[in-house]
């Protein structure tokens, strides 16, 4: 499924620079090589570190067909790759995700449940091992 490529307002500089470079999808961002990413990060007002984080999010979105906010939540919980998700302890990761959700959204948003997390982990296990992005 193709997820809309819209970033939170605090990434507006990065989104503008990506758009100027013709990058307007999670797939394009996920496939961007490191040299191009570094070059984009040299633009005024754009952070290379933030672009790297966005690319990690893009890779989770593309590889695991996750909604962008779910991929961002996994990144905040320390999961940057499908392999990392596959190897995580589900109960410990769920506890970490719940803590982050409460900090970021309060109680306004329902917490991720174990069944959803396990579904994500099954998707991660199905990703072809040894796949390299660069």
N, C-alpha and C. Protein backbone atom coordinates (compact mmCIF):
# COMPACT_ATOMS: atom_id res chain seq x y z
N UNK A 1 0.85 -1.18 0.00
CA UNK A 1 0.00 0.00 0.00
C UNK A 1 0.89 1.24 0.00
N UNK A 2 0.52 2.22 -0.79
CA UNK A 2 1.28 3.46 -0.87
C UNK A 2 0.78 4.42 0.19
N UNK A 3 1.67 4.83 1.08
CA UNK A 3 1.33 5.77 2.15
C UNK A 3 1.66 7.19 1.68
N UNK A 4 0.79 8.12 2.00
CA UNK A 4 1.00 9.52 1.63
C UNK A 4 2.32 10.01 2.22
N UNK A 5 3.04 10.75 1.42
CA UNK A 5 4.33 11.28 1.86
C UNK A 5 4.14 12.70 2.37
N UNK A 6 3.72 12.79 3.61
CA UNK A 6 3.62 14.09 4.25
C UNK A 6 4.29 13.98 5.61
N UNK A 7 5.11 14.95 5.89
CA UNK A 7 5.89 14.94 7.12
C UNK A 7 5.31 15.93 8.11
N UNK A 8 5.55 15.71 9.41
CA UNK A 8 5.09 16.67 10.42
C UNK A 8 5.69 18.06 10.15
N UNK A 9 5.02 19.07 10.67
CA UNK A 9 5.42 20.46 10.43
C UNK A 9 6.88 20.74 10.81
N UNK A 10 7.39 20.06 11.85
CA UNK A 10 8.77 20.34 12.26
C UNK A 10 9.81 19.79 11.28
N UNK A 11 9.35 19.09 10.25
CA UNK A 11 10.24 18.62 9.18
C UNK A 11 9.99 19.40 7.89
N UNK A 12 9.43 20.60 7.99
CA UNK A 12 9.06 21.34 6.78
C UNK A 12 10.27 21.67 5.91
N UNK A 13 11.39 22.04 6.49
CA UNK A 13 12.59 22.34 5.69
C UNK A 13 13.06 21.11 4.93
N UNK A 14 13.05 19.97 5.62
CA UNK A 14 13.47 18.73 4.97
C UNK A 14 12.50 18.33 3.86
N UNK A 15 11.19 18.49 4.12
CA UNK A 15 10.22 18.13 3.09
C UNK A 15 10.35 19.04 1.87
N UNK A 16 10.56 20.32 2.09
CA UNK A 16 10.74 21.25 0.97
C UNK A 16 11.97 20.88 0.15
N UNK A 17 13.06 20.55 0.83
CA UNK A 17 14.30 20.19 0.11
C UNK A 17 14.13 18.89 -0.65
N UNK A 18 13.48 17.91 -0.03
CA UNK A 18 13.22 16.64 -0.71
C UNK A 18 12.35 16.86 -1.95
N UNK A 19 11.31 17.68 -1.80
CA UNK A 19 10.42 17.96 -2.93
C UNK A 19 11.19 18.65 -4.06
N UNK A 20 12.07 19.58 -3.70
CA UNK A 20 12.87 20.28 -4.71
C UNK A 20 13.78 19.31 -5.46
N UNK A 21 14.18 18.23 -4.79
CA UNK A 21 15.02 17.21 -5.42
C UNK A 21 14.20 16.14 -6.14
N UNK A 22 12.88 16.32 -6.15
CA UNK A 22 12.02 15.37 -6.86
C UNK A 22 11.66 14.13 -6.05
N UNK A 23 11.89 14.19 -4.75
CA UNK A 23 11.59 13.04 -3.88
C UNK A 23 10.25 13.32 -3.21
N UNK A 24 9.24 12.56 -3.63
CA UNK A 24 7.90 12.81 -3.12
C UNK A 24 7.18 11.53 -2.70
N UNK A 25 7.96 10.51 -2.35
CA UNK A 25 7.35 9.27 -1.86
C UNK A 25 8.29 8.60 -0.87
N UNK A 26 7.70 7.77 -0.01
CA UNK A 26 8.50 7.01 0.96
C UNK A 26 9.45 6.07 0.22
N UNK A 27 9.02 5.50 -0.91
CA UNK A 27 9.89 4.60 -1.68
C UNK A 27 11.13 5.32 -2.17
N UNK A 28 10.94 6.52 -2.72
CA UNK A 28 12.09 7.27 -3.22
C UNK A 28 13.06 7.62 -2.10
N UNK A 29 12.53 8.01 -0.97
CA UNK A 29 13.40 8.35 0.17
C UNK A 29 14.12 7.11 0.68
N UNK A 30 13.43 5.99 0.76
CA UNK A 30 14.06 4.75 1.24
C UNK A 30 15.20 4.32 0.33
N UNK A 31 15.04 4.54 -0.97
CA UNK A 31 16.04 4.09 -1.94
C UNK A 31 17.17 5.08 -2.19
N UNK A 32 17.10 6.23 -1.59
CA UNK A 32 18.11 7.26 -1.81
C UNK A 32 19.47 6.79 -1.31
N UNK A 33 20.50 6.96 -2.12
CA UNK A 33 21.84 6.54 -1.70
C UNK A 33 22.42 7.55 -0.71
N UNK A 34 23.42 7.12 0.04
CA UNK A 34 23.99 7.93 1.12
C UNK A 34 24.61 9.23 0.62
N UNK A 35 25.26 9.18 -0.54
CA UNK A 35 25.88 10.39 -1.08
C UNK A 35 24.82 11.45 -1.40
N UNK A 36 23.72 11.04 -1.97
CA UNK A 36 22.63 11.98 -2.28
C UNK A 36 22.00 12.52 -1.01
N UNK A 37 21.85 11.65 -0.03
CA UNK A 37 21.27 12.08 1.25
C UNK A 37 22.17 13.12 1.91
N UNK A 38 23.49 12.87 1.89
CA UNK A 38 24.45 13.82 2.45
C UNK A 38 24.39 15.17 1.72
N UNK A 39 24.29 15.09 0.40
CA UNK A 39 24.21 16.31 -0.41
C UNK A 39 22.96 17.11 -0.04
N UNK A 40 21.84 16.45 0.11
CA UNK A 40 20.60 17.13 0.50
C UNK A 40 20.74 17.74 1.90
N UNK A 41 21.47 17.06 2.77
CA UNK A 41 21.66 17.53 4.14
C UNK A 41 22.54 18.76 4.24
N UNK A 42 23.23 19.10 3.17
CA UNK A 42 24.09 20.30 3.18
C UNK A 42 23.31 21.57 2.86
N UNK A 43 22.05 21.42 2.54
CA UNK A 43 21.23 22.59 2.21
C UNK A 43 20.98 23.43 3.46
N UNK A 44 20.90 24.75 3.30
CA UNK A 44 20.63 25.63 4.45
C UNK A 44 19.29 25.26 5.11
N UNK A 45 19.31 25.18 6.43
CA UNK A 45 18.10 24.90 7.18
C UNK A 45 17.70 23.45 7.23
N UNK A 46 18.45 22.58 6.56
CA UNK A 46 18.14 21.15 6.51
C UNK A 46 19.17 20.40 7.34
N UNK A 47 18.71 19.43 8.09
CA UNK A 47 19.59 18.65 8.94
C UNK A 47 19.83 17.27 8.33
N UNK A 48 21.10 16.94 8.12
CA UNK A 48 21.42 15.60 7.60
C UNK A 48 20.96 14.52 8.57
N UNK A 49 21.12 14.76 9.86
CA UNK A 49 20.71 13.77 10.85
C UNK A 49 19.20 13.53 10.77
N UNK A 50 18.43 14.58 10.56
CA UNK A 50 16.97 14.43 10.43
C UNK A 50 16.62 13.68 9.16
N UNK A 51 17.37 13.94 8.08
CA UNK A 51 17.13 13.20 6.83
C UNK A 51 17.45 11.72 7.01
N UNK A 52 18.51 11.41 7.74
CA UNK A 52 18.86 10.02 8.01
C UNK A 52 17.73 9.34 8.79
N UNK A 53 17.21 10.05 9.80
CA UNK A 53 16.10 9.51 10.59
C UNK A 53 14.87 9.29 9.70
N UNK A 54 14.58 10.26 8.83
CA UNK A 54 13.44 10.12 7.92
C UNK A 54 13.64 8.95 6.96
N UNK A 55 14.88 8.74 6.53
CA UNK A 55 15.12 7.61 5.64
C UNK A 55 14.92 6.29 6.39
N UNK A 56 15.32 6.22 7.65
CA UNK A 56 15.05 5.02 8.44
C UNK A 56 13.56 4.78 8.56
N UNK A 57 12.81 5.84 8.79
CA UNK A 57 11.35 5.73 8.85
C UNK A 57 10.81 5.24 7.50
N UNK A 58 11.32 5.81 6.43
CA UNK A 58 10.87 5.41 5.09
C UNK A 58 11.12 3.94 4.83
N UNK A 59 12.25 3.45 5.25
CA UNK A 59 12.57 2.04 5.03
C UNK A 59 11.62 1.12 5.80
N UNK A 60 11.26 1.51 7.01
CA UNK A 60 10.27 0.72 7.77
C UNK A 60 8.90 0.79 7.11
N UNK A 61 8.53 1.96 6.62
CA UNK A 61 7.25 2.12 5.92
C UNK A 61 7.20 1.20 4.70
N UNK A 62 8.26 1.23 3.91
CA UNK A 62 8.30 0.47 2.66
C UNK A 62 8.44 -1.03 2.91
N UNK A 63 9.42 -1.42 3.71
CA UNK A 63 9.68 -2.85 3.94
C UNK A 63 8.53 -3.56 4.62
N UNK A 64 7.93 -2.90 5.61
CA UNK A 64 6.94 -3.57 6.45
C UNK A 64 5.52 -3.08 6.20
N UNK A 65 5.35 -2.17 5.24
CA UNK A 65 4.04 -1.60 4.94
C UNK A 65 3.39 -1.03 6.19
N UNK A 66 4.18 -0.28 6.96
CA UNK A 66 3.67 0.36 8.17
C UNK A 66 3.19 1.76 7.85
N UNK A 67 2.24 2.23 8.62
CA UNK A 67 1.85 3.63 8.53
C UNK A 67 3.03 4.47 9.00
N UNK A 68 3.28 5.61 8.38
CA UNK A 68 4.43 6.44 8.79
C UNK A 68 4.48 6.75 10.28
N UNK A 69 3.36 7.06 10.95
CA UNK A 69 3.47 7.31 12.40
C UNK A 69 3.90 6.06 13.19
N UNK A 70 3.50 4.87 12.73
CA UNK A 70 3.91 3.64 13.40
C UNK A 70 5.42 3.41 13.22
N UNK A 71 5.91 3.69 12.01
CA UNK A 71 7.34 3.55 11.75
C UNK A 71 8.13 4.55 12.61
N UNK A 72 7.61 5.76 12.73
CA UNK A 72 8.28 6.78 13.57
C UNK A 72 8.31 6.33 15.02
N UNK A 73 7.23 5.73 15.48
CA UNK A 73 7.17 5.25 16.86
C UNK A 73 8.21 4.16 17.09
N UNK A 74 8.35 3.25 16.14
CA UNK A 74 9.38 2.21 16.27
C UNK A 74 10.78 2.82 16.32
N UNK A 75 11.03 3.82 15.49
CA UNK A 75 12.33 4.48 15.51
C UNK A 75 12.60 5.11 16.87
N UNK A 76 11.60 5.77 17.42
CA UNK A 76 11.75 6.38 18.75
C UNK A 76 12.00 5.31 19.82
N UNK A 77 11.51 4.10 19.59
CA UNK A 77 11.71 3.01 20.53
C UNK A 77 13.03 2.28 20.29
N UNK A 78 13.82 2.74 19.32
CA UNK A 78 15.13 2.15 19.08
C UNK A 78 15.15 1.07 18.02
N UNK A 79 14.08 0.90 17.27
CA UNK A 79 14.01 -0.10 16.21
C UNK A 79 14.15 0.62 14.87
N UNK A 80 15.27 0.41 14.20
CA UNK A 80 15.55 1.12 12.96
C UNK A 80 15.48 0.24 11.72
N UNK A 81 15.41 -1.07 11.92
CA UNK A 81 15.40 -1.99 10.78
C UNK A 81 14.42 -3.12 11.01
N UNK A 82 14.06 -3.79 9.92
CA UNK A 82 13.19 -4.96 10.03
C UNK A 82 13.87 -6.04 10.87
N UNK A 83 15.16 -6.21 10.69
CA UNK A 83 15.89 -7.21 11.46
C UNK A 83 15.85 -6.87 12.96
N UNK A 84 16.00 -5.61 13.29
CA UNK A 84 15.93 -5.19 14.68
C UNK A 84 14.57 -5.48 15.28
N UNK A 85 13.53 -5.27 14.50
CA UNK A 85 12.18 -5.57 14.97
C UNK A 85 11.99 -7.07 15.13
N UNK A 86 12.48 -7.82 14.17
CA UNK A 86 12.37 -9.28 14.21
C UNK A 86 13.04 -9.85 15.46
N UNK A 87 14.15 -9.26 15.87
CA UNK A 87 14.93 -9.81 16.98
C UNK A 87 14.54 -9.22 18.34
N UNK A 88 13.63 -8.27 18.35
CA UNK A 88 13.25 -7.62 19.61
C UNK A 88 12.40 -8.54 20.48
N UNK A 89 12.49 -8.32 21.78
CA UNK A 89 11.62 -9.00 22.73
C UNK A 89 10.27 -8.28 22.69
N UNK A 90 9.19 -8.97 22.27
CA UNK A 90 7.91 -8.28 22.07
C UNK A 90 7.36 -7.60 23.32
N UNK A 91 7.48 -8.23 24.46
CA UNK A 91 6.92 -7.65 25.68
C UNK A 91 7.71 -6.41 26.12
N UNK A 92 9.01 -6.49 26.02
CA UNK A 92 9.86 -5.35 26.39
C UNK A 92 9.64 -4.18 25.41
N UNK A 93 9.57 -4.52 24.11
CA UNK A 93 9.34 -3.48 23.11
C UNK A 93 7.97 -2.84 23.29
N UNK A 94 6.96 -3.64 23.58
CA UNK A 94 5.62 -3.10 23.79
C UNK A 94 5.62 -2.14 24.97
N UNK A 95 6.32 -2.50 26.03
CA UNK A 95 6.41 -1.63 27.19
C UNK A 95 7.07 -0.30 26.81
N UNK A 96 8.14 -0.36 26.04
CA UNK A 96 8.84 0.84 25.58
C UNK A 96 7.92 1.68 24.69
N UNK A 97 7.20 1.05 23.77
CA UNK A 97 6.29 1.76 22.88
C UNK A 97 5.19 2.44 23.67
N UNK A 98 4.63 1.74 24.64
CA UNK A 98 3.57 2.34 25.46
C UNK A 98 4.08 3.56 26.21
N UNK A 99 5.27 3.48 26.75
CA UNK A 99 5.86 4.61 27.45
C UNK A 99 6.00 5.81 26.51
N UNK A 100 6.50 5.54 25.30
CA UNK A 100 6.66 6.61 24.31
C UNK A 100 5.32 7.18 23.89
N UNK A 101 4.35 6.31 23.65
CA UNK A 101 3.03 6.79 23.25
C UNK A 101 2.43 7.71 24.29
N UNK A 102 2.54 7.33 25.55
CA UNK A 102 1.98 8.18 26.60
C UNK A 102 2.71 9.52 26.67
N UNK A 103 4.03 9.51 26.45
CA UNK A 103 4.80 10.76 26.47
C UNK A 103 4.45 11.65 25.28
N UNK A 104 4.28 11.03 24.11
CA UNK A 104 4.08 11.80 22.89
C UNK A 104 2.63 12.21 22.65
N UNK A 105 1.69 11.36 23.03
CA UNK A 105 0.30 11.63 22.70
C UNK A 105 -0.62 11.66 23.91
N UNK A 106 -0.08 11.39 25.08
CA UNK A 106 -0.94 11.32 26.26
C UNK A 106 -1.87 10.12 26.15
N UNK A 107 -3.04 10.26 26.62
CA UNK A 107 -4.01 9.16 26.57
C UNK A 107 -5.03 9.34 25.45
N UNK A 108 -4.79 10.32 24.58
CA UNK A 108 -5.74 10.62 23.51
C UNK A 108 -5.79 9.53 22.44
N UNK A 109 -4.69 8.83 22.25
CA UNK A 109 -4.60 7.82 21.20
C UNK A 109 -4.52 6.44 21.85
N UNK A 110 -5.28 5.47 21.32
CA UNK A 110 -5.20 4.12 21.89
C UNK A 110 -3.79 3.56 21.75
N UNK A 111 -3.36 2.82 22.76
CA UNK A 111 -2.02 2.23 22.75
C UNK A 111 -1.97 1.06 21.77
N UNK A 112 -0.79 0.87 21.19
CA UNK A 112 -0.55 -0.30 20.32
C UNK A 112 -0.75 -1.54 21.18
N UNK A 113 -1.39 -2.56 20.62
CA UNK A 113 -1.58 -3.79 21.39
C UNK A 113 -0.57 -4.85 20.94
N UNK A 114 -0.46 -5.89 21.74
CA UNK A 114 0.52 -6.95 21.48
C UNK A 114 0.24 -7.63 20.14
N UNK A 115 -1.03 -7.82 19.78
CA UNK A 115 -1.36 -8.46 18.51
C UNK A 115 -0.83 -7.65 17.33
N UNK A 116 -0.96 -6.33 17.40
CA UNK A 116 -0.45 -5.46 16.34
C UNK A 116 1.06 -5.55 16.26
N UNK A 117 1.71 -5.50 17.41
CA UNK A 117 3.17 -5.60 17.43
C UNK A 117 3.63 -6.93 16.87
N UNK A 118 2.96 -8.00 17.23
CA UNK A 118 3.34 -9.33 16.70
C UNK A 118 3.13 -9.39 15.18
N UNK A 119 2.09 -8.74 14.69
CA UNK A 119 1.86 -8.67 13.25
C UNK A 119 3.03 -7.97 12.56
N UNK A 120 3.48 -6.86 13.15
CA UNK A 120 4.64 -6.15 12.60
C UNK A 120 5.87 -7.05 12.62
N UNK A 121 6.02 -7.83 13.69
CA UNK A 121 7.19 -8.70 13.81
C UNK A 121 7.14 -9.83 12.78
N UNK A 122 5.96 -10.32 12.48
CA UNK A 122 5.81 -11.35 11.45
C UNK A 122 6.19 -10.77 10.09
N UNK A 123 5.76 -9.54 9.81
CA UNK A 123 6.16 -8.88 8.57
C UNK A 123 7.68 -8.74 8.50
N UNK A 124 8.28 -8.38 9.62
CA UNK A 124 9.74 -8.21 9.66
C UNK A 124 10.45 -9.53 9.39
N UNK A 125 9.92 -10.62 9.91
CA UNK A 125 10.53 -11.93 9.71
C UNK A 125 10.41 -12.36 8.25
N UNK A 126 9.39 -11.86 7.55
CA UNK A 126 9.17 -12.25 6.16
C UNK A 126 10.07 -11.48 5.18
N UNK A 127 10.65 -10.37 5.65
CA UNK A 127 11.52 -9.58 4.80
C UNK A 127 12.74 -10.44 4.45
N UNK A 128 13.13 -10.41 3.19
CA UNK A 128 14.24 -11.25 2.74
C UNK A 128 15.50 -10.94 3.53
N UNK A 129 16.11 -11.95 4.17
CA UNK A 129 17.35 -11.70 4.92
C UNK A 129 18.48 -11.29 3.98
N UNK A 130 19.31 -10.43 4.50
CA UNK A 130 20.49 -10.02 3.73
C UNK A 130 20.19 -8.91 2.73
N UNK A 131 18.98 -8.41 2.70
CA UNK A 131 18.68 -7.32 1.78
C UNK A 131 19.45 -6.09 2.21
N UNK A 132 20.14 -5.51 1.29
CA UNK A 132 20.93 -4.31 1.58
C UNK A 132 20.34 -3.12 0.87
N UNK A 133 20.33 -1.98 1.52
CA UNK A 133 19.78 -0.76 0.91
C UNK A 133 20.83 -0.02 0.11
N UNK A 134 22.09 -0.26 0.37
CA UNK A 134 23.11 0.50 -0.37
C UNK A 134 24.20 -0.38 -0.85
